[in-house]
């Protein structure tokens, strides 16, 4: 669905000056303001659209990009030289049209009747970014972003992505942490010779409630009871290569860190970094055993011969 023209939203001609745009915005904002239309979802939506239109058209740089490229021109990461370069390629008869490359989802507006914003929609939910060659005689790469879950980022595997209306299978290497990049040959923009550049994927990783990666090592917080920490215990900890047994030494304090060699983030070349286990003490819940627990805690307190905060100074 083509996006509504921002000038039409404000009710001004494309050549309107800054004062006319500001005046139109104030009138529209006053009309659709939520305080004047309580509970009116349509008015609320119109208010948001008017605000967006004013944000773009009141900024000279954004307005210039919008006038040339449509909504795509004001998206984060937009590269105007990439689109201009593509048009030079297209004008010279080299490579497929935008309609051919992106399944015909090229709307109306800039570029002889097309809105460049719709070009983003077929690949990775609109997060496609073009970079590259300008006037250089080589094919241009495309950049896109994809999000994977934490376990998949460590183990690697196959990603199935919607690319140009078809399924594109991409191998995700093991140990693909946040910000990793994967290059897919010949899936980028076509060059003057007809040979396509590469598709470059930036990997984003969903957060995990217990695990994270820091300093190249896999980190995990492991809860243990007060009794386990006092007497010592062994706990099983999942890793990308299966469970490992970690020994918690007796008298371990909360916040202690234990290192397990070679059980962390897998390397693309083989092997793995270390696993760092962060010990977190868990107190017993309140219940029928409250008095017994308090008695034990009191005994531990009396057994504490030194003030643990005695050395705390600023």
Protein backbone atom coordinates (compact mmCIF):
# COMPACT_ATOMS: atom_id res chain seq x y z
CA UNK A 1 0.00 0.00 0.00
CA UNK A 2 1.49 3.35 -1.09
CA UNK A 3 2.17 5.79 1.71
CA UNK A 4 0.23 9.05 1.78
CA UNK A 5 2.01 12.11 0.44
CA UNK A 6 3.22 14.28 3.35
CA UNK A 7 2.33 17.51 1.54
CA UNK A 8 -1.23 16.25 1.10
CA UNK A 9 -1.37 15.33 4.79
CA UNK A 10 -0.67 18.95 5.73
CA UNK A 11 -2.75 20.35 2.87
CA UNK A 12 0.04 22.41 1.31
CA UNK A 13 1.58 22.44 -2.21
CA UNK A 14 5.03 20.94 -2.75
CA UNK A 15 6.52 24.41 -3.16
CA UNK A 16 5.15 25.72 0.16
CA UNK A 17 7.56 27.77 2.26
CA UNK A 18 8.48 27.04 5.88
CA UNK A 19 5.90 29.46 7.30
CA UNK A 20 3.05 27.89 5.30
CA UNK A 21 4.09 24.42 6.46
CA UNK A 22 4.19 25.55 10.10
CA UNK A 23 0.78 27.21 9.82
CA UNK A 24 -0.80 24.10 8.25
CA UNK A 25 0.75 21.89 10.93
CA UNK A 26 -0.63 24.02 13.76
CA UNK A 27 -4.12 23.96 12.27
CA UNK A 28 -4.08 20.19 11.77
CA UNK A 29 -2.56 19.49 15.18
CA UNK A 30 -5.21 21.65 16.85
CA UNK A 31 -7.99 19.83 14.98
CA UNK A 32 -6.83 16.29 15.73
CA UNK A 33 -5.19 16.73 19.13
CA UNK A 34 -6.13 13.84 21.50
CA UNK A 35 -7.28 16.30 24.16
CA UNK A 36 -9.95 17.55 21.75
CA UNK A 37 -10.84 14.05 20.57
CA UNK A 38 -10.77 11.77 23.62
CA UNK A 39 -11.14 8.11 22.67
CA UNK A 40 -11.14 8.86 18.93
CA UNK A 41 -8.59 6.46 17.41
CA UNK A 42 -8.87 7.95 13.92
CA UNK A 43 -8.11 11.43 15.23
CA UNK A 44 -5.18 10.04 17.21
CA UNK A 45 -3.78 8.37 14.10
CA UNK A 46 -4.23 11.55 12.05
CA UNK A 47 -2.43 13.52 14.77
CA UNK A 48 0.56 11.15 14.59
CA UNK A 49 0.70 11.38 10.79
CA UNK A 50 0.60 15.18 10.87
CA UNK A 51 3.41 15.26 13.42
CA UNK A 52 5.51 12.97 11.22
CA UNK A 53 4.82 15.11 8.14
CA UNK A 54 5.88 18.26 9.95
CA UNK A 55 9.01 16.60 11.36
CA UNK A 56 10.14 15.77 7.80
CA UNK A 57 9.02 18.87 5.91
CA UNK A 58 10.24 21.37 8.52
CA UNK A 59 13.78 19.98 8.28
CA UNK A 60 15.46 21.24 5.07
CA UNK A 61 17.76 18.19 4.75
CA UNK A 62 14.97 15.67 5.32
CA UNK A 63 12.64 17.58 3.01
CA UNK A 64 15.20 17.49 0.20
CA UNK A 65 15.63 13.73 0.58
CA UNK A 66 11.86 13.20 0.77
CA UNK A 67 11.26 15.26 -2.37
CA UNK A 68 13.71 13.09 -4.31
CA UNK A 69 13.19 9.63 -2.82
CA UNK A 70 9.90 9.64 -0.91
CA UNK A 71 9.61 8.07 2.57
CA UNK A 72 12.66 5.86 1.95
CA UNK A 73 14.84 8.95 1.87
CA UNK A 74 14.18 9.80 5.52
CA UNK A 75 14.68 6.29 6.91
CA UNK A 76 17.67 5.63 9.11
CA UNK A 77 20.67 4.31 7.17
CA UNK A 78 19.36 5.46 3.77
CA UNK A 79 22.16 5.95 1.21
CA UNK A 80 21.06 8.37 -1.53
CA UNK A 81 24.18 7.76 -3.63
CA UNK A 82 23.32 4.06 -3.82
CA UNK A 83 19.90 4.78 -5.32
CA UNK A 84 21.30 7.35 -7.71
CA UNK A 85 23.95 4.85 -8.80
CA UNK A 86 21.30 2.20 -9.39
CA UNK A 87 19.35 4.58 -11.56
CA UNK A 88 22.47 5.27 -13.61
CA UNK A 89 22.87 1.51 -14.08
CA UNK A 90 19.24 1.18 -15.02
CA UNK A 91 19.38 4.14 -17.37
CA UNK A 92 22.28 2.48 -19.15
CA UNK A 93 20.28 -0.68 -19.69
CA UNK A 94 22.41 -2.82 -17.36
CA UNK A 95 20.73 -5.25 -15.00
CA UNK A 96 17.06 -5.83 -14.16
CA UNK A 97 14.63 -3.11 -13.17
CA UNK A 98 13.64 -2.51 -9.56
CA UNK A 99 10.34 -4.22 -10.33
CA UNK A 100 12.24 -7.33 -11.51
CA UNK A 101 14.60 -7.36 -8.54
CA UNK A 102 12.02 -6.81 -5.82
CA UNK A 103 8.95 -8.56 -7.14
CA UNK A 104 7.13 -5.57 -8.62
CA UNK A 105 6.52 -3.87 -5.25
CA UNK A 106 7.69 -0.50 -6.56
CA UNK A 107 5.04 2.13 -5.93
CA UNK A 108 4.42 5.69 -7.24
CA UNK A 109 6.48 8.84 -6.62
CA UNK A 110 10.16 9.44 -7.22
CA UNK A 111 12.10 7.89 -10.09
CA UNK A 112 9.56 8.40 -12.82
CA UNK A 113 6.51 7.45 -10.80
CA UNK A 114 7.95 5.18 -8.07
CA UNK A 115 8.19 5.68 -4.29
CA UNK A 116 11.56 4.24 -3.25
CA UNK A 117 10.18 3.39 0.22
CA UNK A 118 8.29 0.37 -1.11
CA UNK A 119 11.55 -1.13 -2.37
CA UNK A 120 12.39 -2.00 1.24
CA UNK A 121 9.33 -4.07 1.96
CA UNK A 122 10.18 -7.37 0.25
CA UNK A 123 13.47 -7.99 2.00
CA UNK A 124 13.73 -8.35 5.80
CA UNK A 125 10.68 -6.30 6.74
CA UNK A 126 11.85 -3.03 5.24
CA UNK A 127 15.33 -3.00 6.79
CA UNK A 128 17.22 -3.27 3.51
CA UNK A 129 20.05 -0.77 3.12
CA UNK A 130 22.00 -0.29 -0.08
CA UNK A 131 25.66 0.67 -0.06
CA UNK A 132 28.26 0.72 -2.67
CA UNK A 133 29.75 1.51 -5.91
CA UNK A 134 28.46 4.88 -7.09
CA UNK A 135 30.21 5.41 -10.40
CA UNK A 136 32.74 2.63 -9.75
CA UNK A 137 32.64 -0.22 -12.24
CA UNK A 138 31.78 -2.97 -9.79
CA UNK A 139 28.58 -4.44 -8.45
CA UNK A 140 27.16 -2.89 -5.28
CA UNK A 141 26.61 -4.82 -2.06
CA UNK A 142 23.34 -4.73 -0.16
CA UNK A 143 23.18 -4.63 3.62
CA UNK A 144 20.36 -6.08 5.70
CA UNK A 145 19.76 -7.04 9.32
CA UNK A 146 18.39 -10.26 10.80
CA UNK A 147 17.62 -11.22 14.41
CA UNK A 148 18.24 -14.72 15.81
CA UNK A 149 17.73 -16.23 19.25
CA UNK A 150 20.66 -16.55 21.64
CA UNK A 151 21.13 -20.33 21.41
CA UNK A 152 21.02 -20.28 17.61
CA UNK A 153 23.64 -17.52 17.51
CA UNK A 154 26.04 -19.75 19.47
CA UNK A 155 25.38 -23.05 17.73
CA UNK A 156 24.94 -21.69 14.21
CA UNK A 157 22.74 -23.40 11.65
CA UNK A 158 20.63 -22.50 8.65
CA UNK A 159 18.56 -19.34 8.32
CA UNK A 160 15.61 -19.29 5.95
CA UNK A 161 14.91 -15.75 4.77
CA UNK A 162 12.31 -14.26 2.46
CA UNK A 163 14.27 -12.79 -0.42
CA UNK A 164 12.63 -11.46 -3.57
CA UNK A 165 9.53 -13.61 -3.01
CA UNK A 166 11.51 -16.82 -2.55
CA UNK A 167 13.23 -18.64 0.31
CA UNK A 168 16.92 -17.85 0.66
CA UNK A 169 18.91 -20.33 2.78
CA UNK A 170 21.91 -18.82 4.55
CA UNK A 171 24.42 -20.67 6.74
CA UNK A 172 24.84 -18.98 10.12
CA UNK A 173 28.33 -19.80 11.45
CA UNK A 174 28.66 -20.87 15.11
CA UNK A 175 29.60 -18.10 17.50
CA UNK A 176 27.72 -15.38 15.58
CA UNK A 177 27.48 -12.87 18.42
CA UNK A 178 25.78 -9.45 18.29
CA UNK A 179 27.07 -7.42 15.36
CA UNK A 180 28.54 -10.39 13.45
CA UNK A 181 28.35 -10.11 9.67
CA UNK A 182 27.59 -12.86 7.16
CA UNK A 183 28.28 -12.36 3.46
CA UNK A 184 26.06 -14.09 0.87
CA UNK A 185 27.74 -13.99 -2.57
CA UNK A 186 25.93 -12.67 -5.66
CA UNK A 187 22.72 -11.60 -3.84
CA UNK A 188 23.34 -7.85 -3.93
CA UNK A 189 22.69 -5.12 -6.49
CA UNK A 190 23.52 -5.76 -10.14
CA UNK A 191 26.55 -3.97 -11.56
CA UNK A 192 27.20 -2.53 -15.03
CA UNK A 193 28.48 -5.92 -16.22
CA UNK A 194 25.34 -7.68 -15.00
CA UNK A 195 27.21 -9.45 -12.18
CA UNK A 196 25.56 -8.90 -8.79
CA UNK A 197 27.28 -7.77 -5.62
CA UNK A 198 26.92 -9.53 -2.28
CA UNK A 199 24.25 -9.48 0.38
CA UNK A 200 25.82 -8.59 3.75
CA UNK A 201 23.79 -9.59 6.82
CA UNK A 202 24.33 -7.95 10.21
CA UNK A 203 23.33 -10.38 12.97
CA UNK A 204 21.35 -9.16 15.96
CA UNK A 205 20.94 -11.53 18.91
CA UNK A 206 17.94 -11.66 21.24
CA UNK A 207 18.74 -11.27 24.93
CA UNK A 208 18.72 -14.36 27.16
CA UNK A 209 17.52 -14.20 30.80
CA UNK A 210 20.59 -16.04 32.16
CA UNK A 211 23.32 -16.05 29.50
CA UNK A 212 25.29 -13.28 27.83
CA UNK A 213 28.60 -12.78 26.03
CA UNK A 214 31.29 -10.53 27.48
CA UNK A 215 34.99 -10.20 26.59
CA UNK A 216 34.50 -13.03 24.11
CA UNK A 217 33.46 -15.52 26.82
CA UNK A 218 30.06 -17.04 27.52
CA UNK A 219 28.68 -15.81 30.86
CA UNK A 220 25.92 -17.41 32.92
CA UNK A 221 24.32 -16.75 36.31
CA UNK A 222 23.72 -19.94 38.31
CA UNK A 223 21.48 -19.81 41.41
CA UNK A 224 22.53 -21.93 44.41
CA UNK A 225 21.01 -22.25 47.86
CA UNK A 226 22.76 -20.95 50.98
CA UNK A 227 23.30 -24.54 52.13
CA UNK A 228 24.86 -25.53 48.77
CA UNK A 229 27.17 -22.54 48.86
CA UNK A 230 28.19 -23.35 52.46
CA UNK A 231 28.83 -27.06 51.99
CA UNK A 232 29.85 -26.99 48.33
CA UNK A 233 28.03 -28.77 45.51
CA UNK A 234 28.05 -29.72 41.85
CA UNK A 235 25.63 -28.15 39.39
CA UNK A 236 24.85 -28.99 35.77
CA UNK A 237 25.10 -26.05 33.38
CA UNK A 238 23.89 -26.17 29.74
CA UNK A 239 26.43 -25.06 27.12
CA UNK A 240 26.33 -24.91 23.29
CA UNK A 241 27.93 -28.39 23.25
CA UNK A 242 25.80 -29.96 25.98
CA UNK A 243 25.71 -29.95 29.76
CA UNK A 244 28.85 -29.60 31.87
CA UNK A 245 29.16 -30.25 35.59
CA UNK A 246 30.58 -27.32 37.55
CA UNK A 247 31.92 -27.75 41.08
CA UNK A 248 30.91 -25.00 43.50
CA UNK A 249 33.57 -25.01 46.26
CA UNK A 250 32.49 -24.91 49.91
CA UNK A 251 32.05 -21.44 51.45
CA UNK A 252 31.48 -19.80 48.05
CA UNK A 253 30.09 -16.26 48.28
CA UNK A 254 27.39 -14.79 46.09
CA UNK A 255 28.97 -13.06 43.10
CA UNK A 256 31.89 -15.48 42.85
CA UNK A 257 33.05 -16.31 39.32
CA UNK A 258 34.16 -19.77 38.24
CA UNK A 259 35.89 -20.40 34.89
CA UNK A 260 35.32 -23.52 32.77
CA UNK A 261 37.90 -23.71 29.98
CA UNK A 262 36.78 -24.25 26.38
CA UNK A 263 33.02 -24.39 27.05
CA UNK A 264 32.03 -20.91 25.94
CA UNK A 265 31.35 -19.30 22.57
CA UNK A 266 32.22 -21.64 19.67
CA UNK A 267 34.79 -20.34 17.19
CA UNK A 268 34.31 -20.42 13.42
CA UNK A 269 37.79 -21.94 13.20
CA UNK A 270 37.03 -24.63 15.81
CA UNK A 271 37.31 -24.73 19.59
CA UNK A 272 35.56 -22.33 21.94
CA UNK A 273 36.19 -19.56 24.45
CA UNK A 274 35.62 -20.05 28.19
CA UNK A 275 32.42 -20.31 30.22
CA UNK A 276 32.27 -17.93 33.20
CA UNK A 277 29.84 -19.08 35.90
CA UNK A 278 28.51 -16.31 38.19
CA UNK A 279 27.27 -17.72 41.50
CA UNK A 280 24.05 -16.20 42.88
CA UNK A 281 22.84 -17.19 46.34
CA UNK A 282 19.10 -17.76 46.71
CA UNK A 283 17.50 -17.40 50.14
CA UNK A 284 14.80 -19.86 51.26
CA UNK A 285 11.22 -18.69 50.62
CA UNK A 286 8.94 -17.72 53.45
CA UNK A 287 6.77 -20.56 54.69
CA UNK A 288 6.10 -22.96 57.52
CA UNK A 289 9.85 -23.45 58.06
CA UNK A 290 10.46 -19.74 58.71
CA UNK A 291 11.44 -20.23 62.36
CA UNK A 292 13.87 -23.02 61.52
CA UNK A 293 15.46 -20.94 58.76
CA UNK A 294 15.79 -17.95 61.07
CA UNK A 295 17.44 -20.14 63.69
CA UNK A 296 19.99 -21.35 61.14
CA UNK A 297 20.63 -17.79 59.95
CA UNK A 298 21.08 -16.65 63.55
CA UNK A 299 23.63 -19.40 64.13
CA UNK A 300 25.50 -18.34 60.99
CA UNK A 301 25.48 -14.76 62.17
CA UNK A 302 26.93 -15.71 65.53
CA UNK A 303 29.59 -17.81 63.80
CA UNK A 304 30.69 -14.74 61.80
CA UNK A 305 33.71 -13.58 63.83
CA UNK A 306 34.59 -10.58 61.64
CA UNK A 307 32.51 -7.74 60.24
CA UNK A 308 32.41 -8.45 56.46
CA UNK A 309 32.05 -4.67 55.80
CA UNK A 310 34.88 -3.56 58.05
CA UNK A 311 37.12 -2.68 55.12
CA UNK A 312 34.45 -0.74 53.22
CA UNK A 313 35.79 2.80 52.73
CA UNK A 314 35.35 5.58 50.19
